[in-house]
Amino acid sequence: MVTEALSAVAPFTAELRGVRWFRHRSYATVWLNPAAASPAPWARLYGELVERFPRCHNRARGFTPHLSLGRTRQPRELAAELSARLGSHSVLVRELVLLSRREDGPMQPRATFALGTSELGRD
């Protein structure tokens, strides 16, 4: 079902620009914004997956495409430093990597899927 959903989404260019953070109870996750140029391809990707997996939607906040950079208790300082260091980059998004965690462990890659095809990507 995942390969079917992702076969409907062609590879696309993303603009990585802007470091932000999500606040949690005792820390914040600092992340890079991959939808700086346009959220449209990310919304399409998300829509294709939610259509096939309707019970796996994000919380009420909605979907926020992001590339996690790390955790900190001082997100403002780290976000400012990383934003200055990283700048802006255009990248071609060709694959989706399925991540999951088991119990309290870290997120781990479980499978890689190529966009625009019905094939699994590389491992």
PDB file of N, CA and C in Angstrom:
ATOM      1  N   MET A   1       0.816  -1.202   0.000  1.00  0.00           N
ATOM      2  CA  MET A   1       0.000   0.000   0.000  1.00  0.00           C
ATOM      3  C   MET A   1       0.860   1.268   0.000  1.00  0.00           C
ATOM      4  N   VAL A   2       1.989   1.222   0.677  1.00  0.00           N
ATOM      5  CA  VAL A   2       2.862   2.396   0.697  1.00  0.00           C
ATOM      6  C   VAL A   2       3.429   2.641  -0.694  1.00  0.00           C
ATOM      7  N   THR A   3       3.902   1.581  -1.349  1.00  0.00           N
ATOM      8  CA  THR A   3       4.464   1.771  -2.686  1.00  0.00           C
ATOM      9  C   THR A   3       3.411   2.293  -3.646  1.00  0.00           C
ATOM     10  N   GLU A   4       2.177   1.838  -3.511  1.00  0.00           N
ATOM     11  CA  GLU A   4       1.094   2.343  -4.356  1.00  0.00           C
ATOM     12  C   GLU A   4       0.885   3.839  -4.131  1.00  0.00           C
ATOM     13  N   ALA A   5       0.852   4.249  -2.885  1.00  0.00           N
ATOM     14  CA  ALA A   5       0.667   5.670  -2.567  1.00  0.00           C
ATOM     15  C   ALA A   5       1.808   6.515  -3.117  1.00  0.00           C
ATOM     16  N   LEU A   6       3.036   6.051  -2.943  1.00  0.00           N
ATOM     17  CA  LEU A   6       4.190   6.838  -3.352  1.00  0.00           C
ATOM     18  C   LEU A   6       4.451   6.805  -4.850  1.00  0.00           C
ATOM     19  N   SER A   7       3.871   5.830  -5.540  1.00  0.00           N
ATOM     20  CA  SER A   7       4.007   5.810  -6.996  1.00  0.00           C
ATOM     21  C   SER A   7       3.264   6.984  -7.626  1.00  0.00           C
ATOM     22  N   ALA A   8       2.293   7.555  -6.911  1.00  0.00           N
ATOM     23  CA  ALA A   8       1.523   8.697  -7.407  1.00  0.00           C
ATOM     24  C   ALA A   8       2.228  10.032  -7.164  1.00  0.00           C
ATOM     25  N   VAL A   9       3.359  10.002  -6.479  1.00  0.00           N
ATOM     26  CA  VAL A   9       4.093  11.231  -6.148  1.00  0.00           C
ATOM     27  C   VAL A   9       5.452  11.196  -6.850  1.00  0.00           C
ATOM     28  N   ALA A  10       5.632  12.073  -7.812  1.00  0.00           N
ATOM     29  CA  ALA A  10       6.900  12.141  -8.533  1.00  0.00           C
ATOM     30  C   ALA A  10       7.972  12.776  -7.652  1.00  0.00           C
ATOM     31  N   PRO A  11       9.236  12.432  -7.884  1.00  0.00           N
ATOM     32  CA  PRO A  11      10.314  13.135  -7.170  1.00  0.00           C
ATOM     33  C   PRO A  11      10.164  14.643  -7.364  1.00  0.00           C
ATOM     34  N   PHE A  12      10.580  15.409  -6.364  1.00  0.00           N
ATOM     35  CA  PHE A  12      10.405  16.858  -6.427  1.00  0.00           C
ATOM     36  C   PHE A  12      11.574  17.570  -5.766  1.00  0.00           C
ATOM     37  N   THR A  13      11.720  18.842  -6.091  1.00  0.00           N
ATOM     38  CA  THR A  13      12.778  19.662  -5.510  1.00  0.00           C
ATOM     39  C   THR A  13      12.253  20.328  -4.252  1.00  0.00           C
ATOM     40  N   ALA A  14      13.057  20.292  -3.212  1.00  0.00           N
ATOM     41  CA  ALA A  14      12.712  20.943  -1.946  1.00  0.00           C
ATOM     42  C   ALA A  14      13.791  21.968  -1.621  1.00  0.00           C
ATOM     43  N   GLU A  15      13.378  23.024  -0.985  1.00  0.00           N
ATOM     44  CA  GLU A  15      14.295  24.073  -0.534  1.00  0.00           C
ATOM     45  C   GLU A  15      14.456  23.928   0.972  1.00  0.00           C
ATOM     46  N   LEU A  16      15.656  23.577   1.411  1.00  0.00           N
ATOM     47  CA  LEU A  16      15.945  23.452   2.837  1.00  0.00           C
ATOM     48  C   LEU A  16      16.402  24.821   3.336  1.00  0.00           C
ATOM     49  N   ARG A  17      15.544  25.449   4.119  1.00  0.00           N
ATOM     50  CA  ARG A  17      15.871  26.803   4.593  1.00  0.00           C
ATOM     51  C   ARG A  17      15.059  27.102   5.852  1.00  0.00           C
ATOM     52  N   GLY A  18      15.712  27.569   6.860  1.00  0.00           N
ATOM     53  CA  GLY A  18      15.030  27.966   8.089  1.00  0.00           C
ATOM     54  C   GLY A  18      15.059  26.881   9.138  1.00  0.00           C
ATOM     55  N   VAL A  19      15.616  27.200  10.289  1.00  0.00           N
ATOM     56  CA  VAL A  19      15.667  26.259  11.401  1.00  0.00           C
ATOM     57  C   VAL A  19      14.613  26.681  12.422  1.00  0.00           C
ATOM     58  N   ARG A  20      13.805  25.738  12.841  1.00  0.00           N
ATOM     59  CA  ARG A  20      12.722  25.992  13.784  1.00  0.00           C
ATOM     60  C   ARG A  20      12.802  24.954  14.904  1.00  0.00           C
ATOM     61  N   TRP A  21      11.814  24.960  15.797  1.00  0.00           N
ATOM     62  CA  TRP A  21      11.797  23.945  16.851  1.00  0.00           C
ATOM     63  C   TRP A  21      10.382  23.650  17.281  1.00  0.00           C
ATOM     64  N   PHE A  22      10.225  22.407  17.775  1.00  0.00           N
ATOM     65  CA  PHE A  22       8.996  21.941  18.423  1.00  0.00           C
ATOM     66  C   PHE A  22       9.306  21.869  19.905  1.00  0.00           C
ATOM     67  N   ARG A  23       8.461  22.456  20.728  1.00  0.00           N
ATOM     68  CA  ARG A  23       8.650  22.396  22.186  1.00  0.00           C
ATOM     69  C   ARG A  23       8.008  21.107  22.704  1.00  0.00           C
ATOM     70  N   HIS A  24       8.727  20.412  23.556  1.00  0.00           N
ATOM     71  CA  HIS A  24       8.223  19.239  24.267  1.00  0.00           C
ATOM     72  C   HIS A  24       8.220  19.594  25.754  1.00  0.00           C
ATOM     73  N   ARG A  25       7.898  18.655  26.612  1.00  0.00           N
ATOM     74  CA  ARG A  25       7.834  18.954  28.044  1.00  0.00           C
ATOM     75  C   ARG A  25       9.166  19.420  28.612  1.00  0.00           C
ATOM     76  N   SER A  26      10.232  18.659  28.384  1.00  0.00           N
ATOM     77  CA  SER A  26      11.502  18.995  29.026  1.00  0.00           C
ATOM     78  C   SER A  26      12.608  19.394  28.041  1.00  0.00           C
ATOM     79  N   TYR A  27      12.311  19.424  26.765  1.00  0.00           N
ATOM     80  CA  TYR A  27      13.315  19.796  25.763  1.00  0.00           C
ATOM     81  C   TYR A  27      12.588  20.271  24.499  1.00  0.00           C
ATOM     82  N   ALA A  28      13.351  20.599  23.490  1.00  0.00           N
ATOM     83  CA  ALA A  28      12.794  20.979  22.187  1.00  0.00           C
ATOM     84  C   ALA A  28      13.531  20.210  21.102  1.00  0.00           C
ATOM     85  N   THR A  29      12.817  19.856  20.040  1.00  0.00           N
ATOM     86  CA  THR A  29      13.429  19.269  18.858  1.00  0.00           C
ATOM     87  C   THR A  29      13.676  20.393  17.868  1.00  0.00           C
ATOM     88  N   VAL A  30      14.922  20.574  17.475  1.00  0.00           N
ATOM     89  CA  VAL A  30      15.294  21.601  16.502  1.00  0.00           C
ATOM     90  C   VAL A  30      15.258  20.939  15.123  1.00  0.00           C
ATOM     91  N   TRP A  31      14.652  21.616  14.151  1.00  0.00           N
ATOM     92  CA  TRP A  31      14.472  21.011  12.828  1.00  0.00           C
ATOM     93  C   TRP A  31      14.678  22.000  11.694  1.00  0.00           C
ATOM     94  N   LEU A  32      15.025  21.439  10.546  1.00  0.00           N
ATOM     95  CA  LEU A  32      15.244  22.194   9.327  1.00  0.00           C
ATOM     96  C   LEU A  32      13.983  22.121   8.476  1.00  0.00           C
ATOM     97  N   ASN A  33      13.569  23.241   7.921  1.00  0.00           N
ATOM     98  CA  ASN A  33      12.340  23.320   7.132  1.00  0.00           C
ATOM     99  C   ASN A  33      12.608  22.920   5.676  1.00  0.00           C
ATOM    100  N   PRO A  34      12.068  21.772   5.234  1.00  0.00           N
ATOM    101  CA  PRO A  34      12.256  21.365   3.841  1.00  0.00           C
ATOM    102  C   PRO A  34      11.170  21.903   2.911  1.00  0.00           C
ATOM    103  N   ALA A  35      10.207  22.627   3.451  1.00  0.00           N
ATOM    104  CA  ALA A  35       9.101  23.144   2.650  1.00  0.00           C
ATOM    105  C   ALA A  35       9.171  24.657   2.503  1.00  0.00           C
ATOM    106  N   ALA A  36      10.379  25.221   2.594  1.00  0.00           N
ATOM    107  CA  ALA A  36      10.537  26.676   2.544  1.00  0.00           C
ATOM    108  C   ALA A  36      10.039  27.260   1.236  1.00  0.00           C
ATOM    109  N   ALA A  37      10.305  26.606   0.112  1.00  0.00           N
ATOM    110  CA  ALA A  37       9.885  27.131  -1.191  1.00  0.00           C
ATOM    111  C   ALA A  37       8.397  26.891  -1.431  1.00  0.00           C
ATOM    112  N   SER A  38       7.926  25.691  -1.058  1.00  0.00           N
ATOM    113  CA  SER A  38       6.513  25.363  -1.279  1.00  0.00           C
ATOM    114  C   SER A  38       6.117  24.158  -0.437  1.00  0.00           C
ATOM    115  N   PRO A  39       5.022  24.258   0.276  1.00  0.00           N
ATOM    116  CA  PRO A  39       4.535  23.097   1.027  1.00  0.00           C
ATOM    117  C   PRO A  39       3.739  22.127   0.144  1.00  0.00           C
ATOM    118  N   ALA A  40       3.430  22.512  -1.100  1.00  0.00           N
ATOM    119  CA  ALA A  40       2.546  21.717  -1.965  1.00  0.00           C
ATOM    120  C   ALA A  40       3.020  20.276  -2.188  1.00  0.00           C
ATOM    121  N   PRO A  41       4.283  20.019  -2.568  1.00  0.00           N
ATOM    122  CA  PRO A  41       4.650  18.616  -2.789  1.00  0.00           C
ATOM    123  C   PRO A  41       4.598  17.778  -1.516  1.00  0.00           C
ATOM    124  N   TRP A  42       4.897  18.397  -0.386  1.00  0.00           N
ATOM    125  CA  TRP A  42       4.817  17.683   0.890  1.00  0.00           C
ATOM    126  C   TRP A  42       3.360  17.366   1.241  1.00  0.00           C
ATOM    127  N   ALA A  43       2.461  18.308   0.969  1.00  0.00           N
ATOM    128  CA  ALA A  43       1.034  18.087   1.225  1.00  0.00           C
ATOM    129  C   ALA A  43       0.511  16.952   0.344  1.00  0.00           C
ATOM    130  N   ARG A  44       0.964  16.896  -0.898  1.00  0.00           N
ATOM    131  CA  ARG A  44       0.542  15.812  -1.796  1.00  0.00           C
ATOM    132  C   ARG A  44       1.036  14.467  -1.270  1.00  0.00           C
ATOM    133  N   LEU A  45       2.294  14.406  -0.881  1.00  0.00           N
ATOM    134  CA  LEU A  45       2.875  13.182  -0.327  1.00  0.00           C
ATOM    135  C   LEU A  45       2.079  12.722   0.897  1.00  0.00           C
ATOM    136  N   TYR A  46       1.835  13.646   1.801  1.00  0.00           N
ATOM    137  CA  TYR A  46       1.070  13.350   3.016  1.00  0.00           C
ATOM    138  C   TYR A  46      -0.349  12.893   2.664  1.00  0.00           C
ATOM    139  N   GLY A  47      -0.984  13.593   1.729  1.00  0.00           N
ATOM    140  CA  GLY A  47      -2.349  13.252   1.323  1.00  0.00           C
ATOM    141  C   GLY A  47      -2.458  11.849   0.743  1.00  0.00           C
ATOM    142  N   GLU A  48      -1.498  11.471  -0.078  1.00  0.00           N
ATOM    143  CA  GLU A  48      -1.507  10.115  -0.655  1.00  0.00           C
ATOM    144  C   GLU A  48      -1.397   9.052   0.428  1.00  0.00           C
ATOM    145  N   LEU A  49      -0.573   9.306   1.426  1.00  0.00           N
ATOM    146  CA  LEU A  49      -0.406   8.330   2.507  1.00  0.00           C
ATOM    147  C   LEU A  49      -1.635   8.276   3.420  1.00  0.00           C
ATOM    148  N   VAL A  50      -2.175   9.430   3.775  1.00  0.00           N
ATOM    149  CA  VAL A  50      -3.358   9.461   4.655  1.00  0.00           C
ATOM    150  C   VAL A  50      -4.569   8.822   3.975  1.00  0.00           C
ATOM    151  N   GLU A  51      -4.666   8.978   2.660  1.00  0.00           N
ATOM    152  CA  GLU A  51      -5.774   8.360   1.926  1.00  0.00           C
ATOM    153  C   GLU A  51      -5.766   6.840   2.110  1.00  0.00           C
ATOM    154  N   ARG A  52      -4.597   6.257   2.123  1.00  0.00           N
ATOM    155  CA  ARG A  52      -4.492   4.801   2.257  1.00  0.00           C
ATOM    156  C   ARG A  52      -4.383   4.330   3.712  1.00  0.00           C
ATOM    157  N   PHE A  53      -3.969   5.235   4.588  1.00  0.00           N
ATOM    158  CA  PHE A  53      -3.828   4.910   6.014  1.00  0.00           C
ATOM    159  C   PHE A  53      -4.544   5.978   6.845  1.00  0.00           C
ATOM    160  N   PRO A  54      -5.872   6.041   6.767  1.00  0.00           N
ATOM    161  CA  PRO A  54      -6.610   7.145   7.405  1.00  0.00           C
ATOM    162  C   PRO A  54      -6.485   7.200   8.928  1.00  0.00           C
ATOM    163  N   ARG A  55      -6.169   6.108   9.563  1.00  0.00           N
ATOM    164  CA  ARG A  55      -6.044   6.118  11.028  1.00  0.00           C
ATOM    165  C   ARG A  55      -4.652   6.548  11.476  1.00  0.00           C
ATOM    166  N   CYS A  56      -3.752   6.790  10.541  1.00  0.00           N
ATOM    167  CA  CYS A  56      -2.369   7.173  10.875  1.00  0.00           C
ATOM    168  C   CYS A  56      -2.113   8.640  10.578  1.00  0.00           C
ATOM    169  N   HIS A  57      -3.097   9.476  10.792  1.00  0.00           N
ATOM    170  CA  HIS A  57      -2.909  10.908  10.553  1.00  0.00           C
ATOM    171  C   HIS A  57      -2.247  11.558  11.753  1.00  0.00           C
ATOM    172  N   ASN A  58      -1.683  12.724  11.511  1.00  0.00           N
ATOM    173  CA  ASN A  58      -1.008  13.474  12.571  1.00  0.00           C
ATOM    174  C   ASN A  58      -2.039  14.073  13.513  1.00  0.00           C
ATOM    175  N   ARG A  59      -1.584  14.559  14.618  1.00  0.00           N
ATOM    176  CA  ARG A  59      -2.473  15.169  15.610  1.00  0.00           C
ATOM    177  C   ARG A  59      -3.201  16.376  15.027  1.00  0.00           C
ATOM    178  N   ALA A  60      -4.007  17.012  15.829  1.00  0.00           N
ATOM    179  CA  ALA A  60      -4.842  18.137  15.399  1.00  0.00           C
ATOM    180  C   ALA A  60      -4.030  19.294  14.821  1.00  0.00           C
ATOM    181  N   ARG A  61      -2.745  19.388  15.164  1.00  0.00           N
ATOM    182  CA  ARG A  61      -1.919  20.491  14.648  1.00  0.00           C
ATOM    183  C   ARG A  61      -1.738  20.427  13.150  1.00  0.00           C
ATOM    184  N   GLY A  62      -1.919  19.246  12.577  1.00  0.00           N
ATOM    185  CA  GLY A  62      -1.684  19.091  11.156  1.00  0.00           C
ATOM    186  C   GLY A  62      -0.286  18.572  10.885  1.00  0.00           C
ATOM    187  N   PHE A  63       0.008  18.446   9.624  1.00  0.00           N
ATOM    188  CA  PHE A  63       1.278  17.871   9.191  1.00  0.00           C
ATOM    189  C   PHE A  63       2.321  18.967   9.031  1.00  0.00           C
ATOM    190  N   THR A  64       3.496  18.769   9.600  1.00  0.00           N
ATOM    191  CA  THR A  64       4.612  19.707   9.463  1.00  0.00           C
ATOM    192  C   THR A  64       5.812  18.950   8.916  1.00  0.00           C
ATOM    193  N   PRO A  65       6.102  19.099   7.613  1.00  0.00           N
ATOM    194  CA  PRO A  65       7.307  18.440   7.103  1.00  0.00           C
ATOM    195  C   PRO A  65       8.527  19.026   7.794  1.00  0.00           C
ATOM    196  N   HIS A  66       9.447  18.168   8.212  1.00  0.00           N
ATOM    197  CA  HIS A  66      10.644  18.653   8.903  1.00  0.00           C
ATOM    198  C   HIS A  66      11.749  17.615   8.871  1.00  0.00           C
ATOM    199  N   LEU A  67      12.969  18.089   9.014  1.00  0.00           N
ATOM    200  CA  LEU A  67      14.141  17.234   9.150  1.00  0.00           C
ATOM    201  C   LEU A  67      14.725  17.510  10.530  1.00  0.00           C
ATOM    202  N   SER A  68      14.546  16.576  11.443  1.00  0.00           N
ATOM    203  CA  SER A  68      15.029  16.767  12.810  1.00  0.00           C
ATOM    204  C   SER A  68      16.550  16.853  12.827  1.00  0.00           C
ATOM    205  N   LEU A  69      17.052  17.846  13.554  1.00  0.00           N
ATOM    206  CA  LEU A  69      18.496  18.047  13.682  1.00  0.00           C
ATOM    207  C   LEU A  69      19.011  17.620  15.054  1.00  0.00           C
ATOM    208  N   GLY A  70      18.150  17.694  16.066  1.00  0.00           N
ATOM    209  CA  GLY A  70      18.576  17.299  17.402  1.00  0.00           C
ATOM    210  C   GLY A  70      17.656  17.837  18.472  1.00  0.00           C
ATOM    211  N   ARG A  71      18.000  17.525  19.720  1.00  0.00           N
ATOM    212  CA  ARG A  71      17.225  17.973  20.885  1.00  0.00           C
ATOM    213  C   ARG A  71      18.076  18.920  21.711  1.00  0.00           C
ATOM    214  N   THR A  72      17.407  19.867  22.362  1.00  0.00           N
ATOM    215  CA  THR A  72      18.114  20.825  23.204  1.00  0.00           C
ATOM    216  C   THR A  72      17.141  21.422  24.214  1.00  0.00           C
ATOM    217  N   ARG A  73      17.700  22.023  25.243  1.00  0.00           N
ATOM    218  CA  ARG A  73      16.895  22.788  26.199  1.00  0.00           C
ATOM    219  C   ARG A  73      16.966  24.282  25.865  1.00  0.00           C
ATOM    220  N   GLN A  74      17.803  24.661  24.903  1.00  0.00           N
ATOM    221  CA  GLN A  74      17.950  26.065  24.485  1.00  0.00           C
ATOM    222  C   GLN A  74      17.726  26.178  22.967  1.00  0.00           C
ATOM    223  N   PRO A  75      16.495  26.013  22.523  1.00  0.00           N
ATOM    224  CA  PRO A  75      16.252  25.966  21.078  1.00  0.00           C
ATOM    225  C   PRO A  75      16.516  27.277  20.347  1.00  0.00           C
ATOM    226  N   ARG A  76      16.254  28.403  20.963  1.00  0.00           N
ATOM    227  CA  ARG A  76      16.487  29.684  20.272  1.00  0.00           C
ATOM    228  C   ARG A  76      17.944  29.842  19.864  1.00  0.00           C
ATOM    229  N   GLU A  77      18.828  29.589  20.822  1.00  0.00           N
ATOM    230  CA  GLU A  77      20.252  29.755  20.569  1.00  0.00           C
ATOM    231  C   GLU A  77      20.750  28.776  19.507  1.00  0.00           C
ATOM    232  N   LEU A  78      20.352  27.516  19.648  1.00  0.00           N
ATOM    233  CA  LEU A  78      20.802  26.504  18.699  1.00  0.00           C
ATOM    234  C   LEU A  78      20.213  26.751  17.308  1.00  0.00           C
ATOM    235  N   ALA A  79      18.938  27.113  17.239  1.00  0.00           N
ATOM    236  CA  ALA A  79      18.310  27.384  15.943  1.00  0.00           C
ATOM    237  C   ALA A  79      18.998  28.545  15.231  1.00  0.00           C
ATOM    238  N   ALA A  80      19.342  29.591  15.961  1.00  0.00           N
ATOM    239  CA  ALA A  80      20.027  30.745  15.359  1.00  0.00           C
ATOM    240  C   ALA A  80      21.404  30.339  14.835  1.00  0.00           C
ATOM    241  N   GLU A  81      22.137  29.568  15.628  1.00  0.00           N
ATOM    242  CA  GLU A  81      23.472  29.129  15.213  1.00  0.00           C
ATOM    243  C   GLU A  81      23.403  28.225  13.982  1.00  0.00           C
ATOM    244  N   LEU A  82      22.487  27.246  14.000  1.00  0.00           N
ATOM    245  CA  LEU A  82      22.370  26.324  12.873  1.00  0.00           C
ATOM    246  C   LEU A  82      21.869  27.013  11.614  1.00  0.00           C
ATOM    247  N   SER A  83      20.958  27.948  11.773  1.00  0.00           N
ATOM    248  CA  SER A  83      20.446  28.684  10.618  1.00  0.00           C
ATOM    249  C   SER A  83      21.578  29.440   9.918  1.00  0.00           C
ATOM    250  N   ALA A  84      22.447  30.070  10.703  1.00  0.00           N
ATOM    251  CA  ALA A  84      23.580  30.797  10.128  1.00  0.00           C
ATOM    252  C   ALA A  84      24.566  29.842   9.452  1.00  0.00           C
ATOM    253  N   ARG A  85      24.783  28.681  10.043  1.00  0.00           N
ATOM    254  CA  ARG A  85      25.732  27.714   9.484  1.00  0.00           C
ATOM    255  C   ARG A  85      25.201  27.009   8.247  1.00  0.00           C
ATOM    256  N   LEU A  86      23.918  26.658   8.270  1.00  0.00           N
ATOM    257  CA  LEU A  86      23.370  25.819   7.200  1.00  0.00           C
ATOM    258  C   LEU A  86      22.926  26.599   5.973  1.00  0.00           C
ATOM    259  N   GLY A  87      22.452  27.813   6.156  1.00  0.00           N
ATOM    260  CA  GLY A  87      21.995  28.595   5.008  1.00  0.00           C
ATOM    261  C   GLY A  87      20.819  27.939   4.307  1.00  0.00           C
ATOM    262  N   SER A  88      20.849  27.923   2.980  1.00  0.00           N
ATOM    263  CA  SER A  88      19.762  27.409   2.160  1.00  0.00           C
ATOM    264  C   SER A  88      20.323  26.461   1.098  1.00  0.00           C
ATOM    265  N   HIS A  89      19.600  25.371   0.860  1.00  0.00           N
ATOM    266  CA  HIS A  89      20.033  24.384  -0.139  1.00  0.00           C
ATOM    267  C   HIS A  89      18.822  23.812  -0.866  1.00  0.00           C
ATOM    268  N   SER A  90      18.952  23.625  -2.174  1.00  0.00           N
ATOM    269  CA  SER A  90      17.934  22.912  -2.954  1.00  0.00           C
ATOM    270  C   SER A  90      18.358  21.461  -3.057  1.00  0.00           C
ATOM    271  N   VAL A  91      17.398  20.554  -2.861  1.00  0.00           N
ATOM    272  CA  VAL A  91      17.677  19.125  -2.940  1.00  0.00           C
ATOM    273  C   VAL A  91      16.566  18.424  -3.714  1.00  0.00           C
ATOM    274  N   LEU A  92      16.896  17.311  -4.334  1.00  0.00           N
ATOM    275  CA  LEU A  92      15.907  16.501  -5.016  1.00  0.00           C
ATOM    276  C   LEU A  92      15.433  15.415  -4.059  1.00  0.00           C
ATOM    277  N   VAL A  93      14.135  15.381  -3.801  1.00  0.00           N
ATOM    278  CA  VAL A  93      13.542  14.363  -2.930  1.00  0.00           C
ATOM    279  C   VAL A  93      13.113  13.209  -3.830  1.00  0.00           C
ATOM    280  N   ARG A  94      13.808  12.073  -3.687  1.00  0.00           N
ATOM    281  CA  ARG A  94      13.548  10.904  -4.528  1.00  0.00           C
ATOM    282  C   ARG A  94      13.026   9.716  -3.745  1.00  0.00           C
ATOM    283  N   GLU A  95      13.179   9.756  -2.423  1.00  0.00           N
ATOM    284  CA  GLU A  95      12.813   8.612  -1.600  1.00  0.00           C
ATOM    285  C   GLU A  95      12.140   9.063  -0.314  1.00  0.00           C
ATOM    286  N   LEU A  96      11.394   8.154   0.275  1.00  0.00           N
ATOM    287  CA  LEU A  96      10.817   8.345   1.595  1.00  0.00           C
ATOM    288  C   LEU A  96      11.337   7.211   2.472  1.00  0.00           C
ATOM    289  N   VAL A  97      11.857   7.546   3.634  1.00  0.00           N
ATOM    290  CA  VAL A  97      12.353   6.540   4.570  1.00  0.00           C
ATOM    291  C   VAL A  97      11.347   6.424   5.704  1.00  0.00           C
ATOM    292  N   LEU A  98      10.865   5.221   5.926  1.00  0.00           N
ATOM    293  CA  LEU A  98       9.923   4.943   7.004  1.00  0.00           C
ATOM    294  C   LEU A  98      10.714   4.753   8.291  1.00  0.00           C
ATOM    295  N   LEU A  99      10.423   5.598   9.277  1.00  0.00           N
ATOM    296  CA  LEU A  99      11.070   5.526  10.587  1.00  0.00           C
ATOM    297  C   LEU A  99      10.062   5.072  11.625  1.00  0.00           C
ATOM    298  N   SER A 100      10.523   4.343  12.610  1.00  0.00           N
ATOM    299  CA  SER A 100       9.674   4.015  13.757  1.00  0.00           C
ATOM    300  C   SER A 100      10.578   3.771  14.954  1.00  0.00           C
ATOM    301  N   ARG A 101       9.963   3.813  16.121  1.00  0.00           N
ATOM    302  CA  ARG A 101      10.716   3.506  17.340  1.00  0.00           C
ATOM    303  C   ARG A 101      10.007   2.365  18.048  1.00  0.00           C
ATOM    304  N   ARG A 102      10.794   1.620  18.755  1.00  0.00           N
ATOM    305  CA  ARG A 102      10.255   0.528  19.559  1.00  0.00           C
ATOM    306  C   ARG A 102      10.460   0.891  21.014  1.00  0.00           C
ATOM    307  N   GLU A 103       9.349   0.923  21.745  1.00  0.00           N
ATOM    308  CA  GLU A 103       9.341   1.323  23.146  1.00  0.00           C
ATOM    309  C   GLU A 103       9.972   2.696  23.298  1.00  0.00           C
ATOM    310  N   ASP A 104      10.975   2.841  24.142  1.00  0.00           N
ATOM    311  CA  ASP A 104      11.600   4.145  24.363  1.00  0.00           C
ATOM    312  C   ASP A 104      12.866   4.342  23.538  1.00  0.00           C
ATOM    313  N   GLY A 105      13.106   3.470  22.577  1.00  0.00           N
ATOM    314  CA  GLY A 105      14.320   3.555  21.774  1.00  0.00           C
ATOM    315  C   GLY A 105      14.277   4.699  20.774  1.00  0.00           C
ATOM    316  N   PRO A 106      15.399   4.927  20.106  1.00  0.00           N
ATOM    317  CA  PRO A 106      15.456   6.003  19.103  1.00  0.00           C
ATOM    318  C   PRO A 106      14.723   5.600  17.825  1.00  0.00           C
ATOM    319  N   MET A 107      14.401   6.576  17.020  1.00  0.00           N
ATOM    320  CA  MET A 107      13.813   6.308  15.711  1.00  0.00           C
ATOM    321  C   MET A 107      14.841   5.557  14.873  1.00  0.00           C
ATOM    322  N   GLN A 108      14.373   4.556  14.150  1.00  0.00           N
ATOM    323  CA  GLN A 108      15.242   3.752  13.299  1.00  0.00           C
ATOM    324  C   GLN A 108      14.628   3.635  11.908  1.00  0.00           C
ATOM    325  N   PRO A 109      15.439   3.663  10.848  1.00  0.00           N
ATOM    326  CA  PRO A 109      14.903   3.428   9.510  1.00  0.00           C
ATOM    327  C   PRO A 109      14.436   1.980   9.392  1.00  0.00           C
ATOM    328  N   ARG A 110      13.237   1.783   8.856  1.00  0.00           N
ATOM    329  CA  ARG A 110      12.683   0.429   8.701  1.00  0.00           C
ATOM    330  C   ARG A 110      12.574   0.034   7.234  1.00  0.00           C
ATOM    331  N   ALA A 111      12.325   1.013   6.347  1.00  0.00           N
ATOM    332  CA  ALA A 111      12.219   0.726   4.912  1.00  0.00           C
ATOM    333  C   ALA A 111      12.413   2.026   4.145  1.00  0.00           C
ATOM    334  N   THR A 112      12.872   1.899   2.905  1.00  0.00           N
ATOM    335  CA  THR A 112      13.051   3.042   2.022  1.00  0.00           C
ATOM    336  C   THR A 112      12.217   2.816   0.770  1.00  0.00           C
ATOM    337  N   PHE A 113      11.461   3.828   0.367  1.00  0.00           N
ATOM    338  CA  PHE A 113      10.568   3.737  -0.785  1.00  0.00           C
ATOM    339  C   PHE A 113      10.936   4.801  -1.810  1.00  0.00           C
ATOM    340  N   ALA A 114      11.031   4.412  -3.073  1.00  0.00           N
ATOM    341  CA  ALA A 114      11.302   5.355  -4.151  1.00  0.00           C
ATOM    342  C   ALA A 114      10.008   6.076  -4.531  1.00  0.00           C
ATOM    343  N   LEU A 115      10.093   7.390  -4.743  1.00  0.00           N
ATOM    344  CA  LEU A 115       8.928   8.154  -5.204  1.00  0.00           C
ATOM    345  C   LEU A 115       8.736   7.948  -6.703  1.00  0.00           C
ATOM    346  N   GLY A 116       7.478   7.997  -7.142  1.00  0.00           N
ATOM    347  CA  GLY A 116       7.157   7.916  -8.564  1.00  0.00           C
ATOM    348  C   GLY A 116       7.254   6.533  -9.159  1.00  0.00           C
ATOM    349  N   THR A 117       7.494   5.510  -8.344  1.00  0.00           N
ATOM    350  CA  THR A 117       7.547   4.125  -8.821  1.00  0.00           C
ATOM    351  C   THR A 117       6.812   3.248  -7.819  1.00  0.00           C
ATOM    352  N   SER A 118       6.641   2.008  -8.162  1.00  0.00           N
ATOM    353  CA  SER A 118       6.019   1.073  -7.211  1.00  0.00           C
ATOM    354  C   SER A 118       7.073   0.138  -6.633  1.00  0.00           C
ATOM    355  N   GLU A 119       8.310   0.613  -6.574  1.00  0.00           N
ATOM    356  CA  GLU A 119       9.410  -0.195  -6.083  1.00  0.00           C
ATOM    357  C   GLU A 119       9.915   0.309  -4.735  1.00  0.00           C
ATOM    358  N   LEU A 120      10.436  -0.627  -3.969  1.00  0.00           N
ATOM    359  CA  LEU A 120      11.143  -0.236  -2.757  1.00  0.00           C
ATOM    360  C   LEU A 120      12.435   0.427  -3.180  1.00  0.00           C
ATOM    361  N   GLY A 121      12.864   1.424  -2.403  1.00  0.00           N
ATOM    362  CA  GLY A 121      14.144   2.074  -2.675  1.00  0.00           C
ATOM    363  C   GLY A 121      15.278   1.242  -2.119  1.00  0.00           C
ATOM    364  N   ARG A 122      16.434   1.844  -2.019  1.00  0.00           N
ATOM    365  CA  ARG A 122      17.597   1.138  -1.480  1.00  0.00           C
ATOM    366  C   ARG A 122      17.501   1.072   0.041  1.00  0.00           C
ATOM    367  N   ASP A 123      18.194   0.138   0.630  1.00  0.00           N
ATOM    368  CA  ASP A 123      18.225   0.016   2.107  1.00  0.00           C
ATOM    369  C   ASP A 123      19.419   0.704   2.675  1.00  0.00           C
TER     370      ASP A 123
END
